Amino acid sequence: MGERRSFLLRIDPSLWREIEAWAADDLRSVNGQVEWLLREAVARRRRALPAAPPPAAPPPANGAGEGNAPSR
C-alpha cells in the first residue's frame, strides 16, 4: 500500500458521533471507518464514470486511408 499520509480533518461534532457509532458497530476505529467510507466512495465513483474511449489508431504508414486515391 505504500507510505500512509495523515491530515487534519475538521468535522461537525454530530457527524463525528454518527461515524463513531457506526465504527463501533463495524468493529473499526473512527479513522478506519473514515478510510473505509472514502474507499467506498472512490469505488462507486469509478463505477459511475463512463468508460474511457479506446486509444486512437495510429495513421497508416503509407498514407493510405487518408482520402487520397491513387493516381492512374
C-alpha atoms as a PDB file:
ATOM      1  CA  MET A   1       0.000   0.000   0.000  1.00  0.00           C
ATOM      2  CA  GLY A   2       2.975   2.292   0.421  1.00  0.00           C
ATOM      3  CA  GLU A   3       3.535   5.147   2.809  1.00  0.00           C
ATOM      4  CA  ARG A   4       0.437   6.327   4.661  1.00  0.00           C
ATOM      5  CA  ARG A   5      -0.373  10.040   4.766  1.00  0.00           C
ATOM      6  CA  SER A   6      -2.024  11.920   7.576  1.00  0.00           C
ATOM      7  CA  PHE A   7      -4.010  15.130   7.549  1.00  0.00           C
ATOM      8  CA  LEU A   8      -6.166  17.185   9.860  1.00  0.00           C
ATOM      9  CA  LEU A   9      -9.911  16.910   9.332  1.00  0.00           C
ATOM     10  CA  ARG A  10     -12.339  19.331  10.930  1.00  0.00           C
ATOM     11  CA  ILE A  11     -15.716  17.688  11.351  1.00  0.00           C
ATOM     12  CA  ASP A  12     -19.041  18.675  12.878  1.00  0.00           C
ATOM     13  CA  PRO A  13     -19.480  17.066  16.331  1.00  0.00           C
ATOM     14  CA  SER A  14     -22.827  15.488  15.430  1.00  0.00           C
ATOM     15  CA  LEU A  15     -21.312  13.883  12.320  1.00  0.00           C
ATOM     16  CA  TRP A  16     -18.381  12.677  14.434  1.00  0.00           C
ATOM     17  CA  ARG A  17     -20.785  10.955  16.843  1.00  0.00           C
ATOM     18  CA  GLU A  18     -22.580   9.264  13.940  1.00  0.00           C
ATOM     19  CA  ILE A  19     -19.310   7.991  12.449  1.00  0.00           C
ATOM     20  CA  GLU A  20     -18.053   6.949  15.869  1.00  0.00           C
ATOM     21  CA  ALA A  21     -21.214   4.883  16.499  1.00  0.00           C
ATOM     22  CA  TRP A  22     -21.054   3.361  13.010  1.00  0.00           C
ATOM     23  CA  ALA A  23     -17.389   2.493  13.514  1.00  0.00           C
ATOM     24  CA  ALA A  24     -18.222   0.772  16.815  1.00  0.00           C
ATOM     25  CA  ASP A  25     -20.973  -1.242  15.085  1.00  0.00           C
ATOM     26  CA  ASP A  26     -18.473  -2.349  12.418  1.00  0.00           C
ATOM     27  CA  LEU A  27     -15.698  -3.011  14.994  1.00  0.00           C
ATOM     28  CA  ARG A  28     -13.465  -0.327  13.457  1.00  0.00           C
ATOM     29  CA  SER A  29     -11.719   2.738  14.785  1.00  0.00           C
ATOM     30  CA  VAL A  30     -13.105   6.090  13.686  1.00  0.00           C
ATOM     31  CA  ASN A  31     -10.018   6.509  11.499  1.00  0.00           C
ATOM     32  CA  GLY A  32     -10.588   3.075   9.959  1.00  0.00           C
ATOM     33  CA  GLN A  33     -14.249   3.888   9.354  1.00  0.00           C
ATOM     34  CA  VAL A  34     -13.440   7.184   7.628  1.00  0.00           C
ATOM     35  CA  GLU A  35     -10.852   5.430   5.446  1.00  0.00           C
ATOM     36  CA  TRP A  36     -13.388   2.694   4.581  1.00  0.00           C
ATOM     37  CA  LEU A  37     -16.004   5.348   3.700  1.00  0.00           C
ATOM     38  CA  LEU A  38     -13.550   7.143   1.429  1.00  0.00           C
ATOM     39  CA  ARG A  39     -12.550   3.891  -0.306  1.00  0.00           C
ATOM     40  CA  GLU A  40     -16.213   3.018  -0.887  1.00  0.00           C
ATOM     41  CA  ALA A  41     -16.934   6.485  -2.294  1.00  0.00           C
ATOM     42  CA  VAL A  42     -13.960   6.273  -4.670  1.00  0.00           C
ATOM     43  CA  ALA A  43     -15.005   2.785  -5.830  1.00  0.00           C
ATOM     44  CA  ARG A  44     -18.566   3.996  -6.519  1.00  0.00           C
ATOM     45  CA  ARG A  45     -17.250   6.983  -8.430  1.00  0.00           C
ATOM     46  CA  ARG A  46     -15.052   4.736 -10.590  1.00  0.00           C
ATOM     47  CA  ARG A  47     -18.045   2.549 -11.427  1.00  0.00           C
ATOM     48  CA  ALA A  48     -20.149   5.618 -12.268  1.00  0.00           C
ATOM     49  CA  LEU A  49     -17.608   7.191 -14.631  1.00  0.00           C
ATOM     50  CA  PRO A  50     -18.075   6.457 -18.325  1.00  0.00           C
ATOM     51  CA  ALA A  51     -15.569   4.049 -19.794  1.00  0.00           C
ATOM     52  CA  ALA A  52     -12.545   5.706 -21.334  1.00  0.00           C
ATOM     53  CA  PRO A  53     -12.654   5.713 -25.134  1.00  0.00           C
ATOM     54  CA  PRO A  54     -10.219   3.331 -26.819  1.00  0.00           C
ATOM     55  CA  PRO A  55      -6.964   4.923 -27.948  1.00  0.00           C
ATOM     56  CA  ALA A  56      -6.962   6.291 -31.500  1.00  0.00           C
ATOM     57  CA  ALA A  57      -5.436   4.018 -34.095  1.00  0.00           C
ATOM     58  CA  PRO A  58      -2.126   5.271 -35.482  1.00  0.00           C
ATOM     59  CA  PRO A  59      -2.265   6.562 -39.069  1.00  0.00           C
ATOM     60  CA  PRO A  60      -1.213   4.087 -41.777  1.00  0.00           C
ATOM     61  CA  ALA A  61       2.476   4.239 -42.618  1.00  0.00           C
ATOM     62  CA  ASN A  62       1.997   4.591 -46.421  1.00  0.00           C
ATOM     63  CA  GLY A  63      -0.563   7.399 -46.254  1.00  0.00           C
ATOM     64  CA  ALA A  64      -3.409   5.181 -47.492  1.00  0.00           C
ATOM     65  CA  GLY A  65      -6.778   5.688 -45.956  1.00  0.00           C
ATOM     66  CA  GLU A  66      -6.424   9.468 -45.741  1.00  0.00           C
ATOM     67  CA  GLY A  67      -8.854  10.122 -48.602  1.00  0.00           C
ATOM     68  CA  ASN A  68      -6.104  10.237 -51.232  1.00  0.00           C
ATOM     69  CA  ALA A  69      -6.970   7.932 -54.111  1.00  0.00           C
ATOM     70  CA  PRO A  70      -4.000   6.548 -56.021  1.00  0.00           C
ATOM     71  CA  SER A  71      -3.276   8.278 -59.358  1.00  0.00           C
ATOM     72  CA  ARG A  72      -3.898   6.362 -62.577  1.00  0.00           C
END
